[in-house]
C-alpha atoms as a PDB file:
ATOM      1  CA  MET A   1      -7.347 -10.631   8.006  1.00  0.00           C
ATOM      2  CA  LEU A   2      -8.588  -7.949   5.439  1.00  0.00           C
ATOM      3  CA  ILE A   3     -10.446  -9.236   2.722  1.00  0.00           C
ATOM      4  CA  ARG A   4     -10.374  -7.069  -0.853  1.00  0.00           C
ATOM      5  CA  SER A   5     -12.954  -6.901  -3.302  1.00  0.00           C
ATOM      6  CA  ALA A   6     -11.922  -8.742  -6.629  1.00  0.00           C
ATOM      7  CA  VAL A   7     -11.763  -5.419  -8.458  1.00  0.00           C
ATOM      8  CA  LEU A   8      -9.360  -4.331  -5.785  1.00  0.00           C
ATOM      9  CA  ASN A   9      -7.269  -7.359  -6.098  1.00  0.00           C
ATOM     10  CA  VAL A  10      -6.936  -6.604  -9.864  1.00  0.00           C
ATOM     11  CA  MET A  11      -5.489  -2.949  -8.964  1.00  0.00           C
ATOM     12  CA  THR A  12      -3.514  -3.692  -6.698  1.00  0.00           C
ATOM     13  CA  LYS A  13      -1.655  -6.845  -8.922  1.00  0.00           C
ATOM     14  CA  ALA A  14      -1.251  -4.480 -11.774  1.00  0.00           C
ATOM     15  CA  ALA A  15       0.714  -1.441  -9.366  1.00  0.00           C
ATOM     16  CA  GLN A  16       2.771  -4.163  -8.125  1.00  0.00           C
ATOM     17  CA  LYS A  17       3.600  -6.134 -11.072  1.00  0.00           C
ATOM     18  CA  ALA A  18       4.434  -2.406 -13.434  1.00  0.00           C
ATOM     19  CA  GLY A  19       6.102  -1.285 -10.162  1.00  0.00           C
ATOM     20  CA  ARG A  20       8.457  -3.830  -9.910  1.00  0.00           C
ATOM     21  CA  GLY A  21       9.525  -2.938 -13.675  1.00  0.00           C
ATOM     22  CA  LEU A  22       9.579   0.512 -12.877  1.00  0.00           C
ATOM     23  CA  VAL A  23      12.092   0.061 -10.358  1.00  0.00           C
ATOM     24  CA  ARG A  24      14.359  -2.047 -12.549  1.00  0.00           C
ATOM     25  CA  ASP A  25      14.198   1.422 -14.548  1.00  0.00           C
ATOM     26  CA  PHE A  26      14.634   3.429 -11.746  1.00  0.00           C
ATOM     27  CA  GLY A  27      18.054   1.686 -10.837  1.00  0.00           C
ATOM     28  CA  GLU A  28      19.100   2.566 -14.364  1.00  0.00           C
ATOM     29  CA  VAL A  29      18.551   6.254 -14.244  1.00  0.00           C
ATOM     30  CA  GLU A  30      21.532   7.384 -12.352  1.00  0.00           C
ATOM     31  CA  HIS A  31      23.797   5.679 -14.805  1.00  0.00           C
ATOM     32  CA  LEU A  32      22.475   7.399 -17.516  1.00  0.00           C
ATOM     33  CA  GLN A  33      22.251  11.176 -15.766  1.00  0.00           C
ATOM     34  CA  VAL A  34      25.718  11.067 -16.955  1.00  0.00           C
ATOM     35  CA  SER A  35      25.512  10.640 -20.533  1.00  0.00           C
ATOM     36  CA  ARG A  36      25.006  13.030 -22.953  1.00  0.00           C
ATOM     37  CA  LYS A  37      21.347  12.121 -24.272  1.00  0.00           C
ATOM     38  CA  GLY A  38      20.314  12.062 -20.808  1.00  0.00           C
ATOM     39  CA  PRO A  39      17.502   9.720 -19.573  1.00  0.00           C
ATOM     40  CA  GLY A  40      14.352  11.548 -20.788  1.00  0.00           C
ATOM     41  CA  ASP A  41      13.601   8.966 -23.292  1.00  0.00           C
ATOM     42  CA  PHE A  42      14.698   6.507 -21.327  1.00  0.00           C
ATOM     43  CA  VAL A  43      12.228   7.677 -18.296  1.00  0.00           C
ATOM     44  CA  SER A  44       9.483   8.215 -21.291  1.00  0.00           C
ATOM     45  CA  THR A  45       9.524   4.642 -22.283  1.00  0.00           C
ATOM     46  CA  ALA A  46       9.704   3.260 -18.767  1.00  0.00           C
ATOM     47  CA  ASP A  47       6.884   5.464 -18.421  1.00  0.00           C
ATOM     48  CA  LYS A  48       4.745   3.596 -21.284  1.00  0.00           C
ATOM     49  CA  LYS A  49       5.783  -0.064 -20.622  1.00  0.00           C
ATOM     50  CA  ALA A  50       4.238   0.666 -17.065  1.00  0.00           C
ATOM     51  CA  GLU A  51       0.762   1.815 -18.724  1.00  0.00           C
ATOM     52  CA  ARG A  52       1.421  -1.164 -21.222  1.00  0.00           C
ATOM     53  CA  THR A  53       1.054  -3.840 -17.871  1.00  0.00           C
ATOM     54  CA  ILE A  54      -0.977  -2.049 -16.162  1.00  0.00           C
ATOM     55  CA  ILE A  55      -3.928  -2.112 -18.949  1.00  0.00           C
ATOM     56  CA  GLU A  56      -2.963  -5.633 -20.078  1.00  0.00           C
ATOM     57  CA  GLU A  57      -3.650  -6.903 -16.580  1.00  0.00           C
ATOM     58  CA  ILE A  58      -6.898  -4.629 -15.821  1.00  0.00           C
ATOM     59  CA  GLU A  59      -7.982  -6.072 -19.630  1.00  0.00           C
ATOM     60  CA  LYS A  60      -7.343  -9.726 -18.588  1.00  0.00           C
ATOM     61  CA  ALA A  61      -9.133  -9.495 -15.656  1.00  0.00           C
ATOM     62  CA  ARG A  62     -12.357  -6.713 -16.268  1.00  0.00           C
ATOM     63  CA  PRO A  63     -12.437  -6.746 -20.211  1.00  0.00           C
ATOM     64  CA  GLU A  64     -15.362  -4.951 -19.989  1.00  0.00           C
ATOM     65  CA  ALA A  65     -14.439  -1.760 -18.271  1.00  0.00           C
ATOM     66  CA  GLY A  66     -13.494   1.982 -19.826  1.00  0.00           C
ATOM     67  CA  ILE A  67      -9.876   2.874 -19.411  1.00  0.00           C
ATOM     68  CA  LEU A  68      -8.572   6.871 -19.079  1.00  0.00           C
ATOM     69  CA  ALA A  69      -4.726   6.626 -19.227  1.00  0.00           C
ATOM     70  CA  GLU A  70      -2.094   9.240 -19.066  1.00  0.00           C
ATOM     71  CA  GLU A  71      -0.088   8.175 -21.587  1.00  0.00           C
ATOM     72  CA  SER A  72      -2.280   6.437 -24.410  1.00  0.00           C
ATOM     73  CA  GLY A  73      -5.313   8.163 -23.280  1.00  0.00           C
ATOM     74  CA  GLY A  74      -7.551   4.873 -22.806  1.00  0.00           C
ATOM     75  CA  LYS A  75     -10.440   3.625 -24.410  1.00  0.00           C
ATOM     76  CA  LYS A  76     -14.454   2.739 -23.703  1.00  0.00           C
ATOM     77  CA  GLY A  77     -15.828  -0.337 -22.641  1.00  0.00           C
ATOM     78  CA  ASP A  78     -18.297  -2.290 -23.342  1.00  0.00           C
ATOM     79  CA  ASP A  79     -19.999  -1.716 -20.228  1.00  0.00           C
ATOM     80  CA  PRO A  80     -19.967   2.710 -20.203  1.00  0.00           C
ATOM     81  CA  ASP A  81     -20.544   2.710 -16.231  1.00  0.00           C
ATOM     82  CA  LYS A  82     -17.118   0.869 -15.325  1.00  0.00           C
ATOM     83  CA  ARG A  83     -13.962   2.939 -15.957  1.00  0.00           C
ATOM     84  CA  PHE A  84     -10.149   2.523 -14.623  1.00  0.00           C
ATOM     85  CA  ILE A  85      -8.246   5.635 -14.230  1.00  0.00           C
ATOM     86  CA  ILE A  86      -4.242   5.387 -14.390  1.00  0.00           C
ATOM     87  CA  ASP A  87      -1.371   7.336 -13.958  1.00  0.00           C
ATOM     88  CA  PRO A  88       1.177   4.722 -14.592  1.00  0.00           C
ATOM     89  CA  LEU A  89       4.222   7.236 -13.326  1.00  0.00           C
ATOM     90  CA  ASP A  90       3.116  10.017 -10.739  1.00  0.00           C
ATOM     91  CA  GLY A  91       6.396  11.834 -10.470  1.00  0.00           C
ATOM     92  CA  THR A  92       7.937  11.707 -13.536  1.00  0.00           C
ATOM     93  CA  THR A  93      10.275  14.403 -12.969  1.00  0.00           C
ATOM     94  CA  ASN A  94      11.777  13.232  -9.549  1.00  0.00           C
ATOM     95  CA  PHE A  95      11.542   9.549 -11.506  1.00  0.00           C
ATOM     96  CA  LEU A  96      13.886  11.354 -14.095  1.00  0.00           C
ATOM     97  CA  HIS A  97      16.335  12.953 -11.202  1.00  0.00           C
ATOM     98  CA  GLY A  98      16.620  10.173  -9.815  1.00  0.00           C
ATOM     99  CA  LEU A  99      14.540  11.172  -6.576  1.00  0.00           C
ATOM    100  CA  PRO A 100      13.092   7.877  -4.946  1.00  0.00           C
ATOM    101  CA  HIS A 101      10.000   9.996  -4.918  1.00  0.00           C
ATOM    102  CA  TRP A 102       7.146   8.530  -7.769  1.00  0.00           C
ATOM    103  CA  ALA A 103       4.329   6.163  -7.439  1.00  0.00           C
ATOM    104  CA  ILE A 104       1.895   4.303  -9.581  1.00  0.00           C
ATOM    105  CA  SER A 105      -2.214   5.586  -8.818  1.00  0.00           C
ATOM    106  CA  ILE A 106      -5.136   3.751 -10.356  1.00  0.00           C
ATOM    107  CA  GLY A 107      -8.635   4.861  -9.594  1.00  0.00           C
ATOM    108  CA  TYR A 108     -12.022   2.822 -10.295  1.00  0.00           C
ATOM    109  CA  GLU A 109     -14.965   4.492 -11.458  1.00  0.00           C
ATOM    110  CA  GLU A 110     -19.004   3.266 -11.346  1.00  0.00           C
ATOM    111  CA  ARG A 111     -21.597   5.376 -12.965  1.00  0.00           C
ATOM    112  CA  GLY A 112     -19.358   8.475 -12.162  1.00  0.00           C
ATOM    113  CA  GLU A 113     -18.334   7.969  -8.775  1.00  0.00           C
ATOM    114  CA  LEU A 114     -15.328   6.923  -7.479  1.00  0.00           C
ATOM    115  CA  ILE A 115     -15.163   3.432  -5.848  1.00  0.00           C
ATOM    116  CA  ALA A 116     -11.920   2.340  -5.073  1.00  0.00           C
ATOM    117  CA  GLY A 117      -8.084   3.556  -5.380  1.00  0.00           C
ATOM    118  CA  VAL A 118      -4.773   2.234  -5.231  1.00  0.00           C
ATOM    119  CA  VAL A 119      -1.688   4.797  -5.001  1.00  0.00           C
ATOM    120  CA  TYR A 120       1.930   2.582  -4.644  1.00  0.00           C
ATOM    121  CA  ASP A 121       5.126   3.325  -3.856  1.00  0.00           C
ATOM    122  CA  PRO A 122       7.550   0.725  -5.113  1.00  0.00           C
ATOM    123  CA  VAL A 123      10.792   2.491  -3.469  1.00  0.00           C
ATOM    124  CA  LYS A 124       9.338   2.422  -0.318  1.00  0.00           C
ATOM    125  CA  ASP A 125       6.821  -0.375  -0.523  1.00  0.00           C
ATOM    126  CA  GLU A 126       3.964   1.524   0.342  1.00  0.00           C
ATOM    127  CA  LEU A 127       0.685   0.300  -0.762  1.00  0.00           C
ATOM    128  CA  PHE A 128      -2.065   2.560  -0.216  1.00  0.00           C
ATOM    129  CA  TRP A 129      -5.714   1.464  -0.687  1.00  0.00           C
ATOM    130  CA  ALA A 130      -9.053   2.266  -0.385  1.00  0.00           C
ATOM    131  CA  GLU A 131     -12.866   1.233  -0.973  1.00  0.00           C
ATOM    132  CA  ARG A 132     -16.014   2.847  -0.626  1.00  0.00           C
ATOM    133  CA  GLY A 133     -17.481   2.749   2.964  1.00  0.00           C
ATOM    134  CA  LYS A 134     -14.413   0.024   3.875  1.00  0.00           C
ATOM    135  CA  GLY A 135     -11.784   2.698   5.414  1.00  0.00           C
ATOM    136  CA  ALA A 136      -7.849   2.919   4.196  1.00  0.00           C
ATOM    137  CA  TYR A 137      -5.095   1.150   4.684  1.00  0.00           C
ATOM    138  CA  VAL A 138      -1.374   1.257   3.959  1.00  0.00           C
ATOM    139  CA  ASN A 139      -0.146  -2.204   3.133  1.00  0.00           C
ATOM    140  CA  ASP A 140      -2.512  -3.931   6.125  1.00  0.00           C
ATOM    141  CA  ARG A 141      -2.509  -0.915   9.120  1.00  0.00           C
ATOM    142  CA  ARG A 142      -5.883   1.303   8.871  1.00  0.00           C
ATOM    143  CA  ILE A 143      -5.104   5.001   8.218  1.00  0.00           C
ATOM    144  CA  ARG A 144      -6.823   8.131   9.467  1.00  0.00           C
ATOM    145  CA  VAL A 145      -6.342  11.572   8.629  1.00  0.00           C
ATOM    146  CA  SER A 146      -4.681  13.755  11.142  1.00  0.00           C
ATOM    147  CA  SER A 147      -6.860  15.154  14.624  1.00  0.00           C
ATOM    148  CA  ARG A 148      -5.052  18.631  14.185  1.00  0.00           C
ATOM    149  CA  GLN A 149      -7.127  21.452  14.370  1.00  0.00           C
ATOM    150  CA  ASN A 150      -4.996  24.367  14.594  1.00  0.00           C
ATOM    151  CA  LEU A 151      -3.748  26.004  11.178  1.00  0.00           C
ATOM    152  CA  ALA A 152      -0.797  27.357  13.293  1.00  0.00           C
ATOM    153  CA  GLU A 153       0.064  23.917  13.712  1.00  0.00           C
ATOM    154  CA  ALA A 154      -0.396  22.096  10.470  1.00  0.00           C
ATOM    155  CA  VAL A 155       1.675  21.207   7.464  1.00  0.00           C
ATOM    156  CA  LEU A 156       0.696  21.257   4.345  1.00  0.00           C
ATOM    157  CA  GLY A 157       1.533  19.939   1.232  1.00  0.00           C
ATOM    158  CA  THR A 158       1.129  21.492  -2.129  1.00  0.00           C
ATOM    159  CA  GLY A 159       1.956  21.682  -6.037  1.00  0.00           C
ATOM    160  CA  ILE A 160       4.590  24.457  -7.469  1.00  0.00           C
ATOM    161  CA  PRO A 161       3.755  25.247 -11.015  1.00  0.00           C
ATOM    162  CA  HIS A 162       6.531  25.653 -13.411  1.00  0.00           C
ATOM    163  CA  ILE A 163       7.733  25.825 -16.810  1.00  0.00           C
ATOM    164  CA  GLY A 164       4.587  25.464 -19.481  1.00  0.00           C
ATOM    165  CA  HIS A 165       1.963  27.111 -16.469  1.00  0.00           C
ATOM    166  CA  ASP A 166       0.579  30.206 -17.575  1.00  0.00           C
ATOM    167  CA  THR A 167       1.805  33.463 -15.567  1.00  0.00           C
ATOM    168  CA  ASP A 168      -1.773  33.550 -14.192  1.00  0.00           C
ATOM    169  CA  GLY A 169      -1.164  30.491 -11.532  1.00  0.00           C
ATOM    170  CA  HIS A 170       2.185  31.238 -10.884  1.00  0.00           C
ATOM    171  CA  VAL A 171       0.782  34.224  -9.576  1.00  0.00           C
ATOM    172  CA  THR A 172      -2.096  33.016  -7.981  1.00  0.00           C
ATOM    173  CA  PHE A 173       0.342  29.874  -6.217  1.00  0.00           C
ATOM    174  CA  GLN A 174       2.770  33.022  -4.912  1.00  0.00           C
ATOM    175  CA  ARG A 175      -0.249  34.461  -3.101  1.00  0.00           C
ATOM    176  CA  ARG A 176      -1.222  31.087  -1.751  1.00  0.00           C
ATOM    177  CA  LEU A 177       2.038  30.119  -0.886  1.00  0.00           C
ATOM    178  CA  GLN A 178       2.820  33.685   0.849  1.00  0.00           C
ATOM    179  CA  ALA A 179      -0.589  33.116   2.983  1.00  0.00           C
ATOM    180  CA  ALA A 180       0.754  29.172   4.169  1.00  0.00           C
ATOM    181  CA  MET A 181       4.137  30.441   5.035  1.00  0.00           C
ATOM    182  CA  HIS A 182       2.610  33.098   7.820  1.00  0.00           C
ATOM    183  CA  ASN A 183      -0.095  30.923   9.189  1.00  0.00           C
ATOM    184  CA  THR A 184       1.057  27.062   9.024  1.00  0.00           C
ATOM    185  CA  ALA A 185       3.721  25.303  10.693  1.00  0.00           C
ATOM    186  CA  GLY A 186       5.188  24.698   7.168  1.00  0.00           C
ATOM    187  CA  VAL A 187       4.725  23.518   3.409  1.00  0.00           C
ATOM    188  CA  ARG A 188       5.951  20.640   1.486  1.00  0.00           C
ATOM    189  CA  ARG A 189       6.306  20.136  -2.423  1.00  0.00           C
ATOM    190  CA  TRP A 190       7.415  16.900  -2.695  1.00  0.00           C
ATOM    191  CA  GLY A 191       6.100  16.611  -6.871  1.00  0.00           C
ATOM    192  CA  THR A 192       3.534  13.647  -6.640  1.00  0.00           C
ATOM    193  CA  ALA A 193       0.450  14.514  -5.696  1.00  0.00           C
ATOM    194  CA  SER A 194      -0.771  10.965  -5.734  1.00  0.00           C
ATOM    195  CA  LEU A 195       1.142  10.295  -2.417  1.00  0.00           C
ATOM    196  CA  ASP A 196       0.492  14.181  -1.097  1.00  0.00           C
ATOM    197  CA  LEU A 197      -3.240  12.879  -1.413  1.00  0.00           C
ATOM    198  CA  CYS A 198      -2.350   9.543   0.375  1.00  0.00           C
ATOM    199  CA  TYR A 199      -0.255  11.789   3.297  1.00  0.00           C
ATOM    200  CA  VAL A 200      -2.860  13.329   4.256  1.00  0.00           C
ATOM    201  CA  ALA A 201      -5.058  10.250   4.434  1.00  0.00           C
ATOM    202  CA  ALA A 202      -2.125   8.620   6.674  1.00  0.00           C
ATOM    203  CA  GLY A 203      -1.673  12.202   8.671  1.00  0.00           C
ATOM    204  CA  ARG A 204       1.687  12.972   7.484  1.00  0.00           C
ATOM    205  CA  PHE A 205      -0.087  16.247   6.015  1.00  0.00           C
ATOM    206  CA  ASP A 206      -2.779  17.983   7.860  1.00  0.00           C
ATOM    207  CA  GLY A 207      -3.982  19.867   4.270  1.00  0.00           C
ATOM    208  CA  PHE A 208      -3.132  20.141   0.449  1.00  0.00           C
ATOM    209  CA  TRP A 209      -4.166  22.244  -2.192  1.00  0.00           C
ATOM    210  CA  GLU A 210      -2.795  22.355  -5.652  1.00  0.00           C
ATOM    211  CA  ARG A 211      -4.194  23.923  -9.481  1.00  0.00           C
ATOM    212  CA  GLY A 212      -4.777  22.199 -12.917  1.00  0.00           C
ATOM    213  CA  LEU A 213      -4.019  18.338 -11.885  1.00  0.00           C
ATOM    214  CA  LYS A 214      -5.322  15.315 -13.961  1.00  0.00           C
ATOM    215  CA  PRO A 215      -7.899  12.905 -13.198  1.00  0.00           C
ATOM    216  CA  TRP A 216      -5.079  10.256 -13.167  1.00  0.00           C
ATOM    217  CA  ASP A 217      -3.288  12.451 -10.463  1.00  0.00           C
ATOM    218  CA  VAL A 218      -6.374  12.760  -7.759  1.00  0.00           C
ATOM    219  CA  ALA A 219      -8.983   9.663  -9.030  1.00  0.00           C
ATOM    220  CA  ALA A 220      -7.264   7.276  -6.449  1.00  0.00           C
ATOM    221  CA  GLY A 221      -6.031   9.141  -3.922  1.00  0.00           C
ATOM    222  CA  ILE A 222      -9.694  10.999  -3.547  1.00  0.00           C
ATOM    223  CA  VAL A 223     -11.058   7.446  -2.620  1.00  0.00           C
ATOM    224  CA  ILE A 224      -7.889   6.736   0.275  1.00  0.00           C
ATOM    225  CA  VAL A 225      -8.735  10.751   1.684  1.00  0.00           C
ATOM    226  CA  LYS A 226     -12.078  10.105   2.385  1.00  0.00           C
ATOM    227  CA  GLU A 227     -12.352   6.487   3.112  1.00  0.00           C
ATOM    228  CA  ALA A 228      -9.559   8.185   5.617  1.00  0.00           C
ATOM    229  CA  GLY A 229     -12.070  10.290   7.211  1.00  0.00           C
ATOM    230  CA  GLY A 230     -10.974  13.858   5.157  1.00  0.00           C
ATOM    231  CA  PHE A 231     -12.988  16.339   3.100  1.00  0.00           C
ATOM    232  CA  VAL A 232     -11.883  17.000  -0.835  1.00  0.00           C
ATOM    233  CA  SER A 233     -13.615  20.080  -2.758  1.00  0.00           C
ATOM    234  CA  ASP A 234     -12.148  23.026  -5.103  1.00  0.00           C
ATOM    235  CA  ALA A 235     -10.914  26.241  -3.614  1.00  0.00           C
ATOM    236  CA  GLN A 236     -14.403  27.481  -3.628  1.00  0.00           C
ATOM    237  CA  GLY A 237     -15.625  25.131  -0.805  1.00  0.00           C
ATOM    238  CA  ARG A 238     -17.731  22.943  -3.530  1.00  0.00           C
ATOM    239  CA  ALA A 239     -17.403  19.545  -4.532  1.00  0.00           C
ATOM    240  CA  TYR A 240     -14.393  19.053  -6.608  1.00  0.00           C
ATOM    241  CA  THR A 241     -15.111  17.528  -9.891  1.00  0.00           C
ATOM    242  CA  PHE A 242     -12.255  16.206 -12.942  1.00  0.00           C
ATOM    243  CA  GLN A 243     -13.211  19.925 -14.317  1.00  0.00           C
ATOM    244  CA  SER A 244     -12.206  21.783 -11.405  1.00  0.00           C
ATOM    245  CA  SER A 245      -9.297  24.173 -11.533  1.00  0.00           C
ATOM    246  CA  ASP A 246      -8.253  23.321  -7.927  1.00  0.00           C
ATOM    247  CA  LEU A 247      -8.161  20.577  -5.206  1.00  0.00           C
ATOM    248  CA  VAL A 248      -8.177  21.160  -1.632  1.00  0.00           C
ATOM    249  CA  VAL A 249      -8.116  18.160   0.782  1.00  0.00           C
ATOM    250  CA  GLY A 250      -7.895  18.080   4.505  1.00  0.00           C
ATOM    251  CA  ASN A 251      -8.953  17.010   7.760  1.00  0.00           C
ATOM    252  CA  ASP A 252     -12.337  17.834   8.946  1.00  0.00           C
ATOM    253  CA  SER A 253     -11.338  20.506  11.458  1.00  0.00           C
ATOM    254  CA  LEU A 254      -8.478  22.026   8.983  1.00  0.00           C
ATOM    255  CA  HIS A 255     -10.080  21.775   5.548  1.00  0.00           C
ATOM    256  CA  LYS A 256     -12.221  24.644   5.562  1.00  0.00           C
ATOM    257  CA  SER A 257      -9.282  27.080   7.313  1.00  0.00           C
ATOM    258  CA  VAL A 258      -7.482  25.725   4.430  1.00  0.00           C
ATOM    259  CA  VAL A 259      -9.714  26.468   1.650  1.00  0.00           C
ATOM    260  CA  LYS A 260     -10.928  30.183   3.744  1.00  0.00           C
ATOM    261  CA  LEU A 261      -6.498  30.756   3.553  1.00  0.00           C
ATOM    262  CA  ILE A 262      -6.763  30.198  -0.582  1.00  0.00           C
ATOM    263  CA  LYS A 263      -9.443  31.954  -0.914  1.00  0.00           C
ATOM    264  CA  ASP A 264      -8.430  35.244   0.778  1.00  0.00           C
ATOM    265  CA  ALA A 265      -4.866  35.313  -0.685  1.00  0.00           C
ATOM    266  CA  THR A 266      -6.455  35.407  -4.087  1.00  0.00           C
ATOM    267  CA  LYS A 267      -9.161  37.446  -3.743  1.00  0.00           C
ATOM    268  CA  PRO A 268      -8.951  40.652  -5.722  1.00  0.00           C
ATOM    269  CA  ALA A 269      -7.993  44.166  -3.344  1.00  0.00           C
ATOM    270  CA  ALA A 270     -10.884  45.434  -2.982  1.00  0.00           C
ATOM    271  CA  ASP A 271     -12.767  42.470  -1.546  1.00  0.00           C
ATOM    272  CA  ALA A 272     -10.117  41.335   0.314  1.00  0.00           C
ATOM    273  CA  SER A 273     -10.337  44.838   2.357  1.00  0.00           C
END
């Protein structure tokens, strides 16, 4: 029998409660697609409602903790050493377009160290979770990163920059994607970074990279990847922090290869020769 800590139980309950509401709202998006107004305002309301649900559940159980949340910004807690990091709807664009691939992400931090993470995909009813030192799971099944060692056999996940990103970011991505296309078995862009990290943890992806992610996109997923035996860094292979511009994850064999691939792809021409 799997025993989860009290804090992880709080996170799980909050994610699942918010998930039930979002699933109901997701069912309405399809009907809104045909309206002149469109579903944008509706989805924004659903996102904020889910965040309120999560925060209410956390504050009931852990009123002393701080909160960092995508929509509201959150608050400082009475205990400065404890903080929950919340993305109530990761994959908003997918949700907006009726694509059933989005998630709720909740990470928990103590003294600046990520301790626990929950990523819930309500459509597939997959709950990814982990606590430091206790392994990573999907629902009640233990998960591990893949054992592939050859980059040519690997499938990588990534995020593609879109409107609103600077031109340099687009050019950087194009170079990295070209390198990945030439050296791997394939690249996938599914539009929900928290689930991309969980898919690396579960061995569905062999690695992942993306630029410009926010703490709420990755806090929970980082714990899950590490507890599944994976490695997390920035694009230079250094320790990843919330201030890093890039995130790279992979299994123990391929992480260094993915770092090298994207580093080499963005070297100045003189350095690359």
